[in-house]
């Protein structure tokens, strides 16, 4: 039994009980940006993924609660093989290592990845429609992107990127002006119709297994505007999507959901909110990338800062009233900084 020293004996015993054999191998997988640990369990020709975190109560545990709700709503999620609430472990179907990000970069031209992005959009549509409209209770409907949550994300970026990584020296007047812009952005977003949002719907959280698209990392799902997930996918920091491809993706979503009819709104308003959401979501992503460096010297995400900041700047260009944010990004040197040399 290779790799048993990587996990506690009680967890090894859990695996033996779950798989009805002690003939398996354990390999640690590269984790995401969270405190959770992942292991690949190999038993002959079959593989599983073991997620290890902390003890939980199954019916109130966001990961399982949202997984079960999504599974009942035509969303492709990994199958749960077994759980131990006391140990804080979940044995899951192994979805492999092929992400949408990798498939995009393996394509000789972005159009060659369209079938996979169409599948990704279909999954997000199921979340925004089937999962949202379902009468079944779910934690994802008990929490929301309210003004306070949107503000928390923007302030997180201010603290970690502007103050933390860039050491920008705010005076009280400038910071007050920026906070006023943040509040305007967040109030605009909160005023929109709400659906269940995945919250981190990008190409690294979409897995391809046998040409089928699976959704992972959904435990933070909550109510919010449709644009939040769409910005996460279309303005993904990890891939380079052209304007024409972005329009194709958004057009597909709008057509399939009959968005303007469903919400009795206009395309102009949809795109207006989409650009505001782009400022908020992309700026928040920059804060996360900076925080990994600030808090644990994790440099892996620094290379994504410049490209994501350019997305922020481009969207700010649509809103003269938000110019203070672009001014600060320019004055702080955010766009010229060589982050990989920090």
Protein backbone atom coordinates (compact mmCIF):
# COMPACT_ATOMS: atom_id res chain seq x y z
CA UNK A 1 0.00 0.00 0.00
CA UNK A 2 2.03 2.92 -1.33
CA UNK A 3 1.60 6.38 0.19
CA UNK A 4 -0.22 5.41 3.37
CA UNK A 5 2.19 7.58 5.36
CA UNK A 6 0.71 10.67 3.65
CA UNK A 7 -2.51 10.49 5.65
CA UNK A 8 -3.61 9.51 9.14
CA UNK A 9 -4.16 5.84 9.94
CA UNK A 10 -7.84 6.53 10.65
CA UNK A 11 -8.22 7.87 7.11
CA UNK A 12 -6.41 4.82 5.70
CA UNK A 13 -8.86 2.64 7.62
CA UNK A 14 -11.72 4.68 6.12
CA UNK A 15 -10.38 3.95 2.64
CA UNK A 16 -10.00 0.25 3.37
CA UNK A 17 -13.60 0.12 4.59
CA UNK A 18 -14.88 2.15 1.61
CA UNK A 19 -13.02 0.18 -1.06
CA UNK A 20 -13.23 -3.21 0.70
CA UNK A 21 -9.52 -3.77 0.13
CA UNK A 22 -6.15 -2.55 1.33
CA UNK A 23 -4.64 -2.88 -2.13
CA UNK A 24 -4.49 0.73 -3.24
CA UNK A 25 -1.96 3.52 -3.69
CA UNK A 26 -2.14 7.09 -2.38
CA UNK A 27 -0.65 10.13 -4.12
CA UNK A 28 -1.07 13.73 -3.01
CA UNK A 29 -2.43 16.10 -5.63
CA UNK A 30 -1.55 19.75 -6.07
CA UNK A 31 -4.23 21.62 -4.17
CA UNK A 32 -6.20 24.70 -5.05
CA UNK A 33 -5.94 27.99 -3.19
CA UNK A 34 -7.79 26.62 -0.14
CA UNK A 35 -6.76 24.72 2.98
CA UNK A 36 -8.28 21.49 1.69
CA UNK A 37 -5.95 18.64 0.74
CA UNK A 38 -6.54 16.24 -2.14
CA UNK A 39 -5.21 12.76 -2.82
CA UNK A 40 -5.58 10.39 -5.75
CA UNK A 41 -6.40 6.86 -4.69
CA UNK A 42 -5.49 4.17 -7.23
CA UNK A 43 -7.10 0.76 -6.90
CA UNK A 44 -6.17 -1.37 -9.88
CA UNK A 45 -7.68 0.29 -12.96
CA UNK A 46 -10.01 2.50 -10.93
CA UNK A 47 -9.08 5.83 -9.36
CA UNK A 48 -10.74 8.08 -6.81
CA UNK A 49 -10.10 11.47 -5.26
CA UNK A 50 -9.98 11.88 -1.50
CA UNK A 51 -10.73 15.33 -0.11
CA UNK A 52 -9.45 15.95 3.41
CA UNK A 53 -10.44 18.99 5.43
CA UNK A 54 -12.08 19.17 8.85
CA UNK A 55 -15.00 17.41 10.60
CA UNK A 56 -18.41 18.40 9.29
CA UNK A 57 -22.14 17.76 9.58
CA UNK A 58 -23.15 16.33 6.20
CA UNK A 59 -26.55 17.98 5.80
CA UNK A 60 -25.10 21.41 6.64
CA UNK A 61 -21.74 21.04 4.93
CA UNK A 62 -21.75 23.46 1.96
CA UNK A 63 -19.75 21.19 -0.36
CA UNK A 64 -22.15 18.25 0.02
CA UNK A 65 -25.26 20.40 0.27
CA UNK A 66 -24.53 22.23 -2.99
CA UNK A 67 -23.25 19.07 -4.72
CA UNK A 68 -26.50 17.26 -3.99
CA UNK A 69 -28.59 20.25 -5.08
CA UNK A 70 -26.64 20.62 -8.32
CA UNK A 71 -26.82 16.88 -9.04
CA UNK A 72 -30.63 17.07 -8.83
CA UNK A 73 -30.60 20.08 -11.17
CA UNK A 74 -28.88 18.58 -14.24
CA UNK A 75 -25.47 19.95 -13.26
CA UNK A 76 -22.59 17.52 -13.74
CA UNK A 77 -20.74 17.11 -10.45
CA UNK A 78 -18.47 14.30 -9.18
CA UNK A 79 -20.17 11.30 -7.60
CA UNK A 80 -19.72 10.88 -3.85
CA UNK A 81 -18.46 7.37 -3.02
CA UNK A 82 -18.33 7.66 0.76
CA UNK A 83 -17.93 10.24 3.53
CA UNK A 84 -16.81 10.41 7.14
CA UNK A 85 -18.18 13.39 9.01
CA UNK A 86 -15.94 12.72 12.03
CA UNK A 87 -12.74 12.51 9.99
CA UNK A 88 -13.73 15.34 7.66
CA UNK A 89 -13.07 13.31 4.51
CA UNK A 90 -15.00 12.71 1.30
CA UNK A 91 -14.17 10.02 -1.25
CA UNK A 92 -15.15 11.17 -4.73
CA UNK A 93 -15.27 10.03 -8.31
CA UNK A 94 -11.97 10.92 -10.01
CA UNK A 95 -12.59 13.37 -12.85
CA UNK A 96 -9.00 13.19 -14.08
CA UNK A 97 -6.67 16.09 -14.83
CA UNK A 98 -8.10 17.60 -18.02
CA UNK A 99 -9.37 21.09 -17.24
CA UNK A 100 -11.08 23.48 -19.61
CA UNK A 101 -8.00 25.68 -19.25
CA UNK A 102 -5.74 22.94 -20.60
CA UNK A 103 -8.17 22.12 -23.41
CA UNK A 104 -8.23 25.80 -24.43
CA UNK A 105 -4.44 26.05 -24.63
CA UNK A 106 -4.17 22.70 -26.42
CA UNK A 107 -6.45 23.98 -29.19
CA UNK A 108 -4.56 25.43 -32.14
CA UNK A 109 -7.22 28.14 -32.36
CA UNK A 110 -9.74 29.22 -29.76
CA UNK A 111 -12.64 28.27 -32.02
CA UNK A 112 -11.52 24.65 -31.73
CA UNK A 113 -12.48 24.77 -28.05
CA UNK A 114 -16.01 25.99 -28.76
CA UNK A 115 -17.70 22.65 -28.11
CA UNK A 116 -16.18 22.56 -24.65
CA UNK A 117 -17.09 26.17 -23.88
CA UNK A 118 -20.59 25.49 -25.09
CA UNK A 119 -20.75 22.63 -22.59
CA UNK A 120 -19.42 24.96 -19.88
CA UNK A 121 -22.12 27.48 -20.72
CA UNK A 122 -24.76 24.74 -20.65
CA UNK A 123 -23.68 23.85 -17.12
CA UNK A 124 -23.82 27.45 -15.96
CA UNK A 125 -27.28 27.73 -17.49
CA UNK A 126 -28.42 24.71 -15.47
CA UNK A 127 -27.09 26.40 -12.32
CA UNK A 128 -28.77 29.71 -13.14
CA UNK A 129 -32.08 28.12 -14.14
CA UNK A 130 -32.72 24.55 -12.93
CA UNK A 131 -30.80 24.86 -9.66
CA UNK A 132 -32.18 28.34 -9.00
CA UNK A 133 -35.79 27.49 -9.83
CA UNK A 134 -35.76 24.20 -7.90
CA UNK A 135 -38.00 24.13 -4.85
CA UNK A 136 -35.52 21.91 -2.99
CA UNK A 137 -33.82 23.68 -0.07
CA UNK A 138 -30.13 24.50 -0.40
CA UNK A 139 -27.55 26.52 1.48
CA UNK A 140 -26.81 28.31 -1.79
CA UNK A 141 -30.13 30.14 -1.48
CA UNK A 142 -29.57 31.12 2.14
CA UNK A 143 -26.60 33.39 1.43
CA UNK A 144 -26.18 36.07 -1.18
CA UNK A 145 -23.97 38.62 -2.80
CA UNK A 146 -25.39 41.56 -0.92
CA UNK A 147 -23.74 44.98 -0.84
CA UNK A 148 -21.65 44.00 2.18
CA UNK A 149 -20.28 40.86 0.48
CA UNK A 150 -19.45 42.69 -2.75
CA UNK A 151 -17.76 45.41 -0.68
CA UNK A 152 -15.80 42.82 1.28
CA UNK A 153 -14.37 41.44 -1.97
CA UNK A 154 -13.37 44.87 -3.24
CA UNK A 155 -11.84 45.90 0.07
CA UNK A 156 -9.97 42.60 0.13
CA UNK A 157 -8.36 43.61 -3.15
CA UNK A 158 -7.63 47.10 -1.87
CA UNK A 159 -5.91 45.74 1.23
CA UNK A 160 -3.98 42.92 -0.45
CA UNK A 161 -3.10 44.43 -3.82
CA UNK A 162 -2.97 48.18 -3.40
CA UNK A 163 -1.86 48.46 0.21
CA UNK A 164 -0.20 45.09 0.65
CA UNK A 165 1.64 44.20 -2.54
CA UNK A 166 2.03 47.66 -4.11
CA UNK A 167 2.43 49.59 -0.83
CA UNK A 168 0.27 52.40 -2.19
CA UNK A 169 0.07 55.25 0.30
CA UNK A 170 -3.56 56.39 0.50
CA UNK A 171 -4.50 59.77 1.87
CA UNK A 172 -7.86 60.01 3.58
CA UNK A 173 -9.47 61.97 0.73
CA UNK A 174 -8.42 59.51 -1.99
CA UNK A 175 -9.46 56.48 0.04
CA UNK A 176 -12.85 58.04 0.79
CA UNK A 177 -13.40 58.71 -2.93
CA UNK A 178 -12.45 55.14 -3.77
CA UNK A 179 -14.76 53.73 -1.12
CA UNK A 180 -17.60 55.79 -2.58
CA UNK A 181 -16.93 54.27 -6.02
CA UNK A 182 -16.81 50.79 -4.48
CA UNK A 183 -20.19 51.39 -2.86
CA UNK A 184 -21.73 52.57 -6.14
CA UNK A 185 -20.45 49.48 -7.94
CA UNK A 186 -21.73 47.13 -5.25
CA UNK A 187 -25.15 48.76 -4.99
CA UNK A 188 -25.58 48.54 -8.77
CA UNK A 189 -24.77 44.83 -8.72
CA UNK A 190 -26.99 44.04 -5.76
CA UNK A 191 -29.97 45.68 -7.48
CA UNK A 192 -29.95 43.01 -10.21
CA UNK A 193 -32.09 39.86 -10.41
CA UNK A 194 -30.50 37.01 -8.47
CA UNK A 195 -29.73 33.44 -9.42
CA UNK A 196 -27.55 30.82 -7.78
CA UNK A 197 -23.97 31.74 -8.65
CA UNK A 198 -21.15 29.22 -8.58
CA UNK A 199 -18.89 32.12 -7.48
CA UNK A 200 -15.64 30.80 -9.02
CA UNK A 201 -16.72 29.62 -12.46
CA UNK A 202 -13.44 29.62 -14.39
CA UNK A 203 -11.53 27.18 -16.58
CA UNK A 204 -9.65 25.52 -13.72
CA UNK A 205 -12.89 24.57 -12.00
CA UNK A 206 -14.32 22.85 -15.07
CA UNK A 207 -13.13 19.31 -15.67
CA UNK A 208 -13.54 17.26 -18.84
CA UNK A 209 -14.03 13.51 -18.50
CA UNK A 210 -14.95 11.47 -21.59
CA UNK A 211 -15.97 14.72 -23.35
CA UNK A 212 -18.40 15.54 -20.54
CA UNK A 213 -18.03 18.82 -18.62
CA UNK A 214 -18.02 18.59 -14.83
CA UNK A 215 -18.23 21.43 -12.31
CA UNK A 216 -16.07 21.47 -9.18
CA UNK A 217 -15.22 23.89 -6.33
CA UNK A 218 -18.85 24.95 -5.93
CA UNK A 219 -19.04 25.04 -2.14
CA UNK A 220 -19.21 28.85 -2.01
CA UNK A 221 -22.29 29.07 -4.26
CA UNK A 222 -24.71 31.87 -3.33
CA UNK A 223 -27.34 34.13 -4.85
CA UNK A 224 -26.11 36.91 -7.13
CA UNK A 225 -26.38 38.40 -10.62
CA UNK A 226 -25.87 36.14 -13.66
CA UNK A 227 -23.04 38.39 -14.76
CA UNK A 228 -20.85 37.26 -11.85
CA UNK A 229 -20.35 33.75 -13.24
CA UNK A 230 -20.25 34.97 -16.84
CA UNK A 231 -17.42 37.38 -16.06
CA UNK A 232 -15.61 34.58 -14.21
CA UNK A 233 -15.76 32.40 -17.33
CA UNK A 234 -15.41 34.93 -20.14
CA UNK A 235 -12.83 37.17 -18.46
CA UNK A 236 -11.00 34.24 -16.93
CA UNK A 237 -7.49 35.15 -15.75
CA UNK A 238 -6.09 31.80 -16.87
CA UNK A 239 -6.97 31.92 -20.58
CA UNK A 240 -6.84 34.59 -23.29
CA UNK A 241 -10.28 34.93 -24.85
CA UNK A 242 -10.70 37.32 -27.77
CA UNK A 243 -13.47 39.89 -27.97
CA UNK A 244 -15.22 38.03 -30.77
CA UNK A 245 -15.11 34.75 -28.84
CA UNK A 246 -16.42 36.52 -25.74
CA UNK A 247 -19.35 37.91 -27.75
CA UNK A 248 -20.09 34.43 -29.06
CA UNK A 249 -20.13 33.03 -25.54
CA UNK A 250 -22.37 35.75 -24.15
CA UNK A 251 -24.66 35.55 -27.17
CA UNK A 252 -25.09 31.81 -26.64
CA UNK A 253 -25.99 32.34 -22.97
CA UNK A 254 -28.46 35.11 -23.76
CA UNK A 255 -30.14 33.10 -26.52
CA UNK A 256 -30.40 29.87 -24.54
CA UNK A 257 -31.82 31.55 -21.45
CA UNK A 258 -34.02 34.08 -23.29
CA UNK A 259 -32.51 36.49 -20.78
CA UNK A 260 -34.14 39.75 -21.89
CA UNK A 261 -37.58 38.15 -22.01
CA UNK A 262 -37.16 36.27 -18.74
CA UNK A 263 -36.13 39.37 -16.80
CA UNK A 264 -38.08 41.91 -18.87
CA UNK A 265 -34.92 43.88 -19.56
CA UNK A 266 -32.69 45.03 -22.41
CA UNK A 267 -29.39 43.91 -23.84
CA UNK A 268 -27.98 47.36 -23.14
CA UNK A 269 -28.68 46.95 -19.43
CA UNK A 270 -27.26 43.41 -19.45
CA UNK A 271 -23.97 44.62 -20.92
CA UNK A 272 -23.91 47.70 -18.69
CA UNK A 273 -24.06 45.48 -15.60
CA UNK A 274 -21.65 43.02 -17.21
CA UNK A 275 -18.97 45.73 -17.41
CA UNK A 276 -19.62 46.84 -13.83
CA UNK A 277 -19.39 43.23 -12.73
CA UNK A 278 -16.13 42.91 -14.69
CA UNK A 279 -14.60 45.68 -12.58
CA UNK A 280 -15.71 44.09 -9.33
CA UNK A 281 -14.96 40.44 -10.17
CA UNK A 282 -11.60 40.98 -11.88
CA UNK A 283 -10.42 43.39 -9.19
CA UNK A 284 -11.40 40.82 -6.57
CA UNK A 285 -9.38 38.17 -8.44
CA UNK A 286 -6.34 40.46 -8.31
CA UNK A 287 -6.82 40.76 -4.57
CA UNK A 288 -6.84 36.99 -4.25
CA UNK A 289 -3.66 36.60 -6.31
CA UNK A 290 -1.93 39.23 -4.18
CA UNK A 291 -3.16 37.67 -0.93
CA UNK A 292 -1.55 34.31 -1.75
CA UNK A 293 1.80 36.09 -1.94
CA UNK A 294 1.18 38.29 1.09
CA UNK A 295 -0.09 35.56 3.37
CA UNK A 296 1.96 32.51 2.41
CA UNK A 297 4.58 33.59 -0.11
CA UNK A 298 2.78 31.69 -2.87
CA UNK A 299 4.15 33.21 -6.08
CA UNK A 300 2.29 31.01 -8.56
CA UNK A 301 -0.51 33.48 -9.20
CA UNK A 302 1.52 36.67 -9.58
CA UNK A 303 1.89 36.16 -13.33
CA UNK A 304 -1.88 36.59 -13.76
CA UNK A 305 -2.05 40.03 -12.17
CA UNK A 306 -1.10 42.22 -15.13
CA UNK A 307 -3.54 40.63 -17.56
CA UNK A 308 -6.39 40.73 -15.06
CA UNK A 309 -5.67 44.35 -14.15
CA UNK A 310 -5.89 45.26 -17.85
CA UNK A 311 -9.38 43.76 -17.86
CA UNK A 312 -10.28 45.97 -14.90
CA UNK A 313 -8.91 49.06 -16.63
CA UNK A 314 -10.74 48.30 -19.85
CA UNK A 315 -14.09 48.01 -18.08
CA UNK A 316 -13.50 51.15 -16.02
CA UNK A 317 -13.20 52.98 -19.34
CA UNK A 318 -16.96 52.64 -19.76
CA UNK A 319 -17.62 54.58 -16.55
CA UNK A 320 -16.09 58.07 -16.17
CA UNK A 321 -17.57 58.21 -12.68
CA UNK A 322 -15.26 55.36 -11.62
CA UNK A 323 -12.07 57.05 -12.86
CA UNK A 324 -10.56 57.30 -9.37
CA UNK A 325 -9.92 53.53 -9.44
CA UNK A 326 -8.05 53.70 -12.73
CA UNK A 327 -6.09 56.71 -11.47
CA UNK A 328 -5.01 54.76 -8.40
CA UNK A 329 -4.03 51.73 -10.45
CA UNK A 330 -1.88 53.96 -12.66
CA UNK A 331 -0.37 55.95 -9.78
CA UNK A 332 0.43 52.80 -7.81
CA UNK A 333 2.36 51.32 -10.75
CA UNK A 334 0.01 48.34 -10.79
CA UNK A 335 0.11 47.98 -14.57
CA UNK A 336 3.89 48.31 -14.99
CA UNK A 337 4.99 46.20 -12.03
CA UNK A 338 7.01 43.09 -12.81
CA UNK A 339 5.19 40.90 -10.32
CA UNK A 340 7.15 37.76 -11.09
CA UNK A 341 10.30 39.42 -9.79
CA UNK A 342 8.84 40.29 -6.42
